[in-house]
């Protein structure tokens, strides 16, 4: 599992939360998002889908790119990040 560089502060916050409070909610969120991202990416490649950026997907389907990014961040679409770029298999 890879933790995105942009999530490193949240990752460290998770350890800080656990040490004094024995809470795991931040770490659960980080791990869940990382696993889901990996799952969407692997399925797209295994199914030999065409991999396009969300920007390209938005243009092709006349959908708002910011709306797609929001959905991707909430993990309500099968998008994934690859080298810091949101992509989707179609």
PDB file of N, CA and C in Angstrom:
ATOM      1  N   UNK A   1       0.849  -1.170   0.000  1.00  0.00           N
ATOM      2  CA  UNK A   1       0.000   0.000   0.000  1.00  0.00           C
ATOM      3  C   UNK A   1       0.893   1.230   0.000  1.00  0.00           C
ATOM      4  N   UNK A   2       0.561   2.168  -0.850  1.00  0.00           N
ATOM      5  CA  UNK A   2       1.305   3.427  -0.908  1.00  0.00           C
ATOM      6  C   UNK A   2       0.470   4.541  -0.315  1.00  0.00           C
ATOM      7  N   UNK A   3       1.099   5.325   0.546  1.00  0.00           N
ATOM      8  CA  UNK A   3       0.467   6.530   1.072  1.00  0.00           C
ATOM      9  C   UNK A   3       0.937   7.678   0.181  1.00  0.00           C
ATOM     10  N   UNK A   4      -0.012   8.407  -0.398  1.00  0.00           N
ATOM     11  CA  UNK A   4       0.362   9.507  -1.273  1.00  0.00           C
ATOM     12  C   UNK A   4       1.158  10.550  -0.494  1.00  0.00           C
ATOM     13  N   UNK A   5       2.135  11.132  -1.170  1.00  0.00           N
ATOM     14  CA  UNK A   5       2.967  12.164  -0.559  1.00  0.00           C
ATOM     15  C   UNK A   5       2.115  13.299  -0.021  1.00  0.00           C
ATOM     16  N   UNK A   6       1.053  13.627  -0.747  1.00  0.00           N
ATOM     17  CA  UNK A   6       0.182  14.730  -0.321  1.00  0.00           C
ATOM     18  C   UNK A   6      -0.590  14.387   0.951  1.00  0.00           C
ATOM     19  N   UNK A   7      -0.655  13.107   1.298  1.00  0.00           N
ATOM     20  CA  UNK A   7      -1.362  12.678   2.509  1.00  0.00           C
ATOM     21  C   UNK A   7      -0.430  12.490   3.704  1.00  0.00           C
ATOM     22  N   UNK A   8       0.837  12.835   3.556  1.00  0.00           N
ATOM     23  CA  UNK A   8       1.803  12.547   4.620  1.00  0.00           C
ATOM     24  C   UNK A   8       1.477  13.244   5.936  1.00  0.00           C
ATOM     25  N   UNK A   9       0.985  14.485   5.888  1.00  0.00           N
ATOM     26  CA  UNK A   9       0.654  15.177   7.135  1.00  0.00           C
ATOM     27  C   UNK A   9      -0.454  14.426   7.864  1.00  0.00           C
ATOM     28  N   UNK A  10      -1.474  14.022   7.123  1.00  0.00           N
ATOM     29  CA  UNK A  10      -2.568  13.265   7.725  1.00  0.00           C
ATOM     30  C   UNK A  10      -2.047  11.927   8.275  1.00  0.00           C
ATOM     31  N   UNK A  11      -1.120  11.321   7.577  1.00  0.00           N
ATOM     32  CA  UNK A  11      -0.521  10.058   8.010  1.00  0.00           C
ATOM     33  C   UNK A  11       0.179  10.238   9.358  1.00  0.00           C
ATOM     34  N   UNK A  12       0.963  11.300   9.488  1.00  0.00           N
ATOM     35  CA  UNK A  12       1.643  11.570  10.759  1.00  0.00           C
ATOM     36  C   UNK A  12       0.648  11.952  11.851  1.00  0.00           C
ATOM     37  N   UNK A  13      -0.408  12.679  11.461  1.00  0.00           N
ATOM     38  CA  UNK A  13      -1.454  13.016  12.433  1.00  0.00           C
ATOM     39  C   UNK A  13      -2.106  11.754  12.989  1.00  0.00           C
ATOM     40  N   UNK A  14      -2.201  10.743  12.153  1.00  0.00           N
ATOM     41  CA  UNK A  14      -2.807   9.482  12.601  1.00  0.00           C
ATOM     42  C   UNK A  14      -1.991   8.859  13.726  1.00  0.00           C
ATOM     43  N   UNK A  15      -0.687   8.889  13.595  1.00  0.00           N
ATOM     44  CA  UNK A  15       0.160   8.351  14.662  1.00  0.00           C
ATOM     45  C   UNK A  15       0.059   9.205  15.920  1.00  0.00           C
ATOM     46  N   UNK A  16       0.027  10.527  15.737  1.00  0.00           N
ATOM     47  CA  UNK A  16      -0.105  11.414  16.890  1.00  0.00           C
ATOM     48  C   UNK A  16      -1.439  11.219  17.603  1.00  0.00           C
ATOM     49  N   UNK A  17      -2.487  10.926  16.835  1.00  0.00           N
ATOM     50  CA  UNK A  17      -3.792  10.676  17.439  1.00  0.00           C
ATOM     51  C   UNK A  17      -3.780   9.366  18.226  1.00  0.00           C
ATOM     52  N   UNK A  18      -3.108   8.376  17.690  1.00  0.00           N
ATOM     53  CA  UNK A  18      -3.127   7.067  18.338  1.00  0.00           C
ATOM     54  C   UNK A  18      -2.316   7.053  19.632  1.00  0.00           C
ATOM     55  N   UNK A  19      -1.151   7.670  19.623  1.00  0.00           N
ATOM     56  CA  UNK A  19      -0.261   7.603  20.790  1.00  0.00           C
ATOM     57  C   UNK A  19      -0.967   7.970  22.094  1.00  0.00           C
ATOM     58  N   UNK A  20      -1.553   9.174  22.201  1.00  0.00           N
ATOM     59  CA  UNK A  20      -2.158   9.513  23.493  1.00  0.00           C
ATOM     60  C   UNK A  20      -3.575   8.968  23.680  1.00  0.00           C
ATOM     61  N   UNK A  21      -4.316   8.787  22.595  1.00  0.00           N
ATOM     62  CA  UNK A  21      -5.741   8.485  22.702  1.00  0.00           C
ATOM     63  C   UNK A  21      -6.129   7.058  22.327  1.00  0.00           C
ATOM     64  N   UNK A  22      -5.201   6.323  21.741  1.00  0.00           N
ATOM     65  CA  UNK A  22      -5.488   4.967  21.259  1.00  0.00           C
ATOM     66  C   UNK A  22      -6.606   4.961  20.213  1.00  0.00           C
ATOM     67  N   UNK A  23      -6.732   6.054  19.449  1.00  0.00           N
ATOM     68  CA  UNK A  23      -7.751   6.154  18.395  1.00  0.00           C
ATOM     69  C   UNK A  23      -7.117   5.829  17.049  1.00  0.00           C
ATOM     70  N   UNK A  24      -7.912   5.258  16.160  1.00  0.00           N
ATOM     71  CA  UNK A  24      -7.403   4.855  14.845  1.00  0.00           C
ATOM     72  C   UNK A  24      -8.191   5.451  13.675  1.00  0.00           C
ATOM     73  N   UNK A  25      -9.088   6.384  13.923  1.00  0.00           N
ATOM     74  CA  UNK A  25      -9.982   6.863  12.865  1.00  0.00           C
ATOM     75  C   UNK A  25      -9.241   7.490  11.686  1.00  0.00           C
ATOM     76  N   UNK A  26      -8.205   8.287  11.936  1.00  0.00           N
ATOM     77  CA  UNK A  26      -7.466   8.911  10.830  1.00  0.00           C
ATOM     78  C   UNK A  26      -6.753   7.840  10.016  1.00  0.00           C
ATOM     79  N   UNK A  27      -6.097   6.899  10.691  1.00  0.00           N
ATOM     80  CA  UNK A  27      -5.373   5.849   9.983  1.00  0.00           C
ATOM     81  C   UNK A  27      -6.335   4.975   9.187  1.00  0.00           C
ATOM     82  N   UNK A  28      -7.497   4.694   9.736  1.00  0.00           N
ATOM     83  CA  UNK A  28      -8.492   3.898   9.016  1.00  0.00           C
ATOM     84  C   UNK A  28      -8.895   4.586   7.723  1.00  0.00           C
ATOM     85  N   UNK A  29      -9.071   5.894   7.764  1.00  0.00           N
ATOM     86  CA  UNK A  29      -9.435   6.651   6.564  1.00  0.00           C
ATOM     87  C   UNK A  29      -8.313   6.601   5.529  1.00  0.00           C
ATOM     88  N   UNK A  30      -7.075   6.807   5.961  1.00  0.00           N
ATOM     89  CA  UNK A  30      -5.932   6.789   5.040  1.00  0.00           C
ATOM     90  C   UNK A  30      -5.793   5.419   4.383  1.00  0.00           C
ATOM     91  N   UNK A  31      -5.833   4.377   5.183  1.00  0.00           N
ATOM     92  CA  UNK A  31      -5.663   3.018   4.664  1.00  0.00           C
ATOM     93  C   UNK A  31      -6.828   2.658   3.737  1.00  0.00           C
ATOM     94  N   UNK A  32      -8.035   3.004   4.133  1.00  0.00           N
ATOM     95  CA  UNK A  32      -9.193   2.717   3.287  1.00  0.00           C
ATOM     96  C   UNK A  32      -9.101   3.380   1.929  1.00  0.00           C
ATOM     97  N   UNK A  33      -8.708   4.648   1.905  1.00  0.00           N
ATOM     98  CA  UNK A  33      -8.575   5.366   0.636  1.00  0.00           C
ATOM     99  C   UNK A  33      -7.457   4.774  -0.220  1.00  0.00           C
ATOM    100  N   UNK A  34      -6.354   4.408   0.411  1.00  0.00           N
ATOM    101  CA  UNK A  34      -5.229   3.835  -0.335  1.00  0.00           C
ATOM    102  C   UNK A  34      -5.613   2.488  -0.945  1.00  0.00           C
ATOM    103  N   UNK A  35      -6.316   1.673  -0.198  1.00  0.00           N
ATOM    104  CA  UNK A  35      -6.742   0.363  -0.708  1.00  0.00           C
ATOM    105  C   UNK A  35      -7.746   0.537  -1.843  1.00  0.00           C
ATOM    106  N   UNK A  36      -8.698   1.440  -1.683  1.00  0.00           N
ATOM    107  CA  UNK A  36      -9.698   1.665  -2.724  1.00  0.00           C
ATOM    108  C   UNK A  36      -9.047   2.196  -3.995  1.00  0.00           C
ATOM    109  N   UNK A  37      -8.109   3.119  -3.848  1.00  0.00           N
ATOM    110  CA  UNK A  37      -7.394   3.668  -5.003  1.00  0.00           C
ATOM    111  C   UNK A  37      -6.660   2.550  -5.743  1.00  0.00           C
ATOM    112  N   UNK A  38      -5.962   1.717  -4.997  1.00  0.00           N
ATOM    113  CA  UNK A  38      -5.223   0.604  -5.591  1.00  0.00           C
ATOM    114  C   UNK A  38      -6.166  -0.368  -6.291  1.00  0.00           C
ATOM    115  N   UNK A  39      -7.303  -0.638  -5.666  1.00  0.00           N
ATOM    116  CA  UNK A  39      -8.291  -1.556  -6.236  1.00  0.00           C
ATOM    117  C   UNK A  39      -8.796  -1.040  -7.583  1.00  0.00           C
ATOM    118  N   UNK A  40      -9.214   0.228  -7.642  1.00  0.00           N
ATOM    119  CA  UNK A  40      -9.732   0.790  -8.891  1.00  0.00           C
ATOM    120  C   UNK A  40      -8.668   0.760  -9.996  1.00  0.00           C
ATOM    121  N   UNK A  41      -7.457   1.065  -9.628  1.00  0.00           N
ATOM    122  CA  UNK A  41      -6.363   1.063 -10.607  1.00  0.00           C
ATOM    123  C   UNK A  41      -6.113  -0.344 -11.143  1.00  0.00           C
ATOM    124  N   UNK A  42      -6.004  -1.304 -10.257  1.00  0.00           N
ATOM    125  CA  UNK A  42      -5.710  -2.676 -10.684  1.00  0.00           C
ATOM    126  C   UNK A  42      -6.835  -3.257 -11.534  1.00  0.00           C
ATOM    127  N   UNK A  43      -8.072  -3.021 -11.150  1.00  0.00           N
ATOM    128  CA  UNK A  43      -9.206  -3.528 -11.924  1.00  0.00           C
ATOM    129  C   UNK A  43      -9.212  -2.922 -13.327  1.00  0.00           C
ATOM    130  N   UNK A  44      -8.969  -1.624 -13.427  1.00  0.00           N
ATOM    131  CA  UNK A  44      -8.960  -0.953 -14.737  1.00  0.00           C
ATOM    132  C   UNK A  44      -7.900  -1.573 -15.653  1.00  0.00           C
ATOM    133  N   UNK A  45      -6.714  -1.817 -15.112  1.00  0.00           N
ATOM    134  CA  UNK A  45      -5.654  -2.404 -15.933  1.00  0.00           C
ATOM    135  C   UNK A  45      -5.913  -3.876 -16.231  1.00  0.00           C
ATOM    136  N   UNK A  46      -6.378  -4.629 -15.249  1.00  0.00           N
ATOM    137  CA  UNK A  46      -6.654  -6.055 -15.461  1.00  0.00           C
ATOM    138  C   UNK A  46      -7.766  -6.273 -16.492  1.00  0.00           C
ATOM    139  N   UNK A  47      -8.752  -5.400 -16.485  1.00  0.00           N
ATOM    140  CA  UNK A  47      -9.848  -5.502 -17.449  1.00  0.00           C
ATOM    141  C   UNK A  47      -9.490  -4.857 -18.787  1.00  0.00           C
ATOM    142  N   UNK A  48      -8.245  -4.397 -18.894  1.00  0.00           N
ATOM    143  CA  UNK A  48      -7.706  -3.789 -20.111  1.00  0.00           C
ATOM    144  C   UNK A  48      -8.575  -2.639 -20.623  1.00  0.00           C
ATOM    145  N   UNK A  49      -9.039  -1.845 -19.674  1.00  0.00           N
ATOM    146  CA  UNK A  49      -9.820  -0.669 -20.038  1.00  0.00           C
ATOM    147  C   UNK A  49      -8.896   0.405 -20.601  1.00  0.00           C
ATOM    148  N   UNK A  50      -9.479   1.316 -21.351  1.00  0.00           N
ATOM    149  CA  UNK A  50      -8.728   2.479 -21.796  1.00  0.00           C
ATOM    150  C   UNK A  50      -8.563   3.384 -20.586  1.00  0.00           C
ATOM    151  N   UNK A  51      -7.337   3.742 -20.267  1.00  0.00           N
ATOM    152  CA  UNK A  51      -7.053   4.593 -19.111  1.00  0.00           C
ATOM    153  C   UNK A  51      -6.912   6.025 -19.610  1.00  0.00           C
ATOM    154  N   UNK A  52      -7.747   6.909 -19.078  1.00  0.00           N
ATOM    155  CA  UNK A  52      -7.695   8.319 -19.457  1.00  0.00           C
ATOM    156  C   UNK A  52      -7.686   9.174 -18.194  1.00  0.00           C
ATOM    157  N   UNK A  53      -7.198  10.376 -18.340  1.00  0.00           N
ATOM    158  CA  UNK A  53      -7.243  11.297 -17.203  1.00  0.00           C
ATOM    159  C   UNK A  53      -8.690  11.719 -16.972  1.00  0.00           C
ATOM    160  N   UNK A  54      -8.977  12.150 -15.757  1.00  0.00           N
ATOM    161  CA  UNK A  54     -10.330  12.639 -15.484  1.00  0.00           C
ATOM    162  C   UNK A  54     -10.634  13.870 -16.330  1.00  0.00           C
ATOM    163  N   UNK A  55      -9.611  14.657 -16.616  1.00  0.00           N
ATOM    164  CA  UNK A  55      -9.802  15.828 -17.469  1.00  0.00           C
ATOM    165  C   UNK A  55     -10.285  15.398 -18.860  1.00  0.00           C
ATOM    166  N   UNK A  56      -9.632  14.387 -19.416  1.00  0.00           N
ATOM    167  CA  UNK A  56     -10.040  13.880 -20.736  1.00  0.00           C
ATOM    168  C   UNK A  56     -11.433  13.257 -20.666  1.00  0.00           C
ATOM    169  N   UNK A  57     -11.699  12.507 -19.615  1.00  0.00           N
ATOM    170  CA  UNK A  57     -13.013  11.898 -19.421  1.00  0.00           C
ATOM    171  C   UNK A  57     -14.096  12.975 -19.354  1.00  0.00           C
ATOM    172  N   UNK A  58     -13.796  14.055 -18.638  1.00  0.00           N
ATOM    173  CA  UNK A  58     -14.750  15.166 -18.518  1.00  0.00           C
ATOM    174  C   UNK A  58     -15.048  15.779 -19.885  1.00  0.00           C
ATOM    175  N   UNK A  59     -14.000  15.993 -20.673  1.00  0.00           N
ATOM    176  CA  UNK A  59     -14.187  16.581 -22.006  1.00  0.00           C
ATOM    177  C   UNK A  59     -15.016  15.672 -22.902  1.00  0.00           C
ATOM    178  N   UNK A  60     -14.694  14.384 -22.892  1.00  0.00           N
ATOM    179  CA  UNK A  60     -15.407  13.434 -23.751  1.00  0.00           C
ATOM    180  C   UNK A  60     -16.890  13.331 -23.398  1.00  0.00           C
ATOM    181  N   UNK A  61     -17.185  13.449 -22.117  1.00  0.00           N
ATOM    182  CA  UNK A  61     -18.549  13.251 -21.648  1.00  0.00           C
ATOM    183  C   UNK A  61     -19.270  14.542 -21.293  1.00  0.00           C
ATOM    184  N   UNK A  62     -18.602  15.668 -21.565  1.00  0.00           N
ATOM    185  CA  UNK A  62     -19.177  16.993 -21.270  1.00  0.00           C
ATOM    186  C   UNK A  62     -19.662  17.080 -19.819  1.00  0.00           C
ATOM    187  N   UNK A  63     -18.731  16.711 -18.924  1.00  0.00           N
ATOM    188  CA  UNK A  63     -18.989  16.739 -17.487  1.00  0.00           C
ATOM    189  C   UNK A  63     -18.000  17.719 -16.865  1.00  0.00           C
ATOM    190  N   UNK A  64     -18.393  18.339 -15.789  1.00  0.00           N
ATOM    191  CA  UNK A  64     -17.510  19.265 -15.074  1.00  0.00           C
ATOM    192  C   UNK A  64     -16.309  18.520 -14.484  1.00  0.00           C
ATOM    193  N   UNK A  65     -15.110  18.964 -14.864  1.00  0.00           N
ATOM    194  CA  UNK A  65     -13.893  18.350 -14.328  1.00  0.00           C
ATOM    195  C   UNK A  65     -13.805  18.516 -12.802  1.00  0.00           C
ATOM    196  N   UNK A  66     -14.055  19.714 -12.246  1.00  0.00           N
ATOM    197  CA  UNK A  66     -14.014  19.843 -10.785  1.00  0.00           C
ATOM    198  C   UNK A  66     -15.007  18.914 -10.074  1.00  0.00           C
ATOM    199  N   UNK A  67     -16.162  18.713 -10.694  1.00  0.00           N
ATOM    200  CA  UNK A  67     -17.142  17.796 -10.124  1.00  0.00           C
ATOM    201  C   UNK A  67     -16.588  16.372 -10.087  1.00  0.00           C
ATOM    202  N   UNK A  68     -15.914  15.962 -11.152  1.00  0.00           N
ATOM    203  CA  UNK A  68     -15.313  14.623 -11.184  1.00  0.00           C
ATOM    204  C   UNK A  68     -14.208  14.483 -10.144  1.00  0.00           C
ATOM    205  N   UNK A  69     -13.401  15.518  -9.995  1.00  0.00           N
ATOM    206  CA  UNK A  69     -12.332  15.483  -8.986  1.00  0.00           C
ATOM    207  C   UNK A  69     -12.947  15.335  -7.598  1.00  0.00           C
ATOM    208  N   UNK A  70     -14.010  16.059  -7.343  1.00  0.00           N
ATOM    209  CA  UNK A  70     -14.708  15.962  -6.064  1.00  0.00           C
ATOM    210  C   UNK A  70     -15.212  14.539  -5.844  1.00  0.00           C
ATOM    211  N   UNK A  71     -15.826  13.952  -6.867  1.00  0.00           N
ATOM    212  CA  UNK A  71     -16.319  12.576  -6.754  1.00  0.00           C
ATOM    213  C   UNK A  71     -15.166  11.592  -6.554  1.00  0.00           C
ATOM    214  N   UNK A  72     -14.065  11.835  -7.237  1.00  0.00           N
ATOM    215  CA  UNK A  72     -12.900  10.958  -7.087  1.00  0.00           C
ATOM    216  C   UNK A  72     -12.352  11.030  -5.656  1.00  0.00           C
ATOM    217  N   UNK A  73     -12.259  12.231  -5.120  1.00  0.00           N
ATOM    218  CA  UNK A  73     -11.774  12.390  -3.744  1.00  0.00           C
ATOM    219  C   UNK A  73     -12.699  11.727  -2.729  1.00  0.00           C
ATOM    220  N   UNK A  74     -13.995  11.741  -3.023  1.00  0.00           N
ATOM    221  CA  UNK A  74     -14.968  11.082  -2.129  1.00  0.00           C
ATOM    222  C   UNK A  74     -15.081   9.597  -2.421  1.00  0.00           C
ATOM    223  N   UNK A  75     -14.422   9.169  -3.482  1.00  0.00           N
ATOM    224  CA  UNK A  75     -14.420   7.777  -3.939  1.00  0.00           C
ATOM    225  C   UNK A  75     -15.812   7.283  -4.310  1.00  0.00           C
ATOM    226  N   UNK A  76     -16.555   8.137  -5.001  1.00  0.00           N
ATOM    227  CA  UNK A  76     -17.880   7.735  -5.474  1.00  0.00           C
ATOM    228  C   UNK A  76     -17.856   7.384  -6.962  1.00  0.00           C
ATOM    229  N   UNK A  77     -16.675   7.465  -7.586  1.00  0.00           N
ATOM    230  CA  UNK A  77     -16.467   6.964  -8.942  1.00  0.00           C
ATOM    231  C   UNK A  77     -15.216   6.093  -8.915  1.00  0.00           C
ATOM    232  N   UNK A  78     -15.045   5.265  -9.936  1.00  0.00           N
ATOM    233  CA  UNK A  78     -13.930   4.309  -9.965  1.00  0.00           C
ATOM    234  C   UNK A  78     -12.625   4.933 -10.454  1.00  0.00           C
ATOM    235  N   UNK A  79     -12.340   6.123 -10.000  1.00  0.00           N
ATOM    236  CA  UNK A  79     -11.118   6.819 -10.398  1.00  0.00           C
ATOM    237  C   UNK A  79      -9.985   6.455  -9.453  1.00  0.00           C
ATOM    238  N   UNK A  80      -8.767   6.693  -9.922  1.00  0.00           N
ATOM    239  CA  UNK A  80      -7.580   6.414  -9.120  1.00  0.00           C
ATOM    240  C   UNK A  80      -6.489   7.418  -9.481  1.00  0.00           C
ATOM    241  N   UNK A  81      -5.537   7.572  -8.576  1.00  0.00           N
ATOM    242  CA  UNK A  81      -4.414   8.455  -8.882  1.00  0.00           C
ATOM    243  C   UNK A  81      -3.237   7.613  -9.337  1.00  0.00           C
ATOM    244  N   UNK A  82      -2.529   8.170 -10.284  1.00  0.00           N
ATOM    245  CA  UNK A  82      -1.319   7.539 -10.795  1.00  0.00           C
ATOM    246  C   UNK A  82      -0.318   8.653 -11.030  1.00  0.00           C
ATOM    247  N   UNK A  83       0.765   8.623 -10.274  1.00  0.00           N
ATOM    248  CA  UNK A  83       1.777   9.674 -10.337  1.00  0.00           C
ATOM    249  C   UNK A  83       1.158  11.058 -10.131  1.00  0.00           C
ATOM    250  N   UNK A  84       0.209  11.123  -9.195  1.00  0.00           N
ATOM    251  CA  UNK A  84      -0.404  12.393  -8.816  1.00  0.00           C
ATOM    252  C   UNK A  84      -1.494  12.896  -9.750  1.00  0.00           C
ATOM    253  N   UNK A  85      -1.869  12.088 -10.746  1.00  0.00           N
ATOM    254  CA  UNK A  85      -2.881  12.505 -11.717  1.00  0.00           C
ATOM    255  C   UNK A  85      -4.092  11.572 -11.590  1.00  0.00           C
ATOM    256  N   UNK A  86      -5.272  12.185 -11.475  1.00  0.00           N
ATOM    257  CA  UNK A  86      -6.493  11.381 -11.406  1.00  0.00           C
ATOM    258  C   UNK A  86      -6.790  10.782 -12.769  1.00  0.00           C
ATOM    259  N   UNK A  87      -7.075   9.467 -12.780  1.00  0.00           N
ATOM    260  CA  UNK A  87      -7.395   8.750 -14.007  1.00  0.00           C
ATOM    261  C   UNK A  87      -8.592   7.848 -13.767  1.00  0.00           C
ATOM    262  N   UNK A  88      -9.127   7.332 -14.875  1.00  0.00           N
ATOM    263  CA  UNK A  88     -10.262   6.408 -14.798  1.00  0.00           C
ATOM    264  C   UNK A  88     -10.183   5.452 -15.974  1.00  0.00           C
ATOM    265  N   UNK A  89     -10.644   4.228 -15.751  1.00  0.00           N
ATOM    266  CA  UNK A  89     -10.706   3.259 -16.840  1.00  0.00           C
ATOM    267  C   UNK A  89     -12.086   3.281 -17.465  1.00  0.00           C
ATOM    268  N   UNK A  90     -12.109   3.326 -18.812  1.00  0.00           N
ATOM    269  CA  UNK A  90     -13.408   3.342 -19.513  1.00  0.00           C
ATOM    270  C   UNK A  90     -13.466   2.223 -20.534  1.00  0.00           C
TER     271      UNK A  90
END
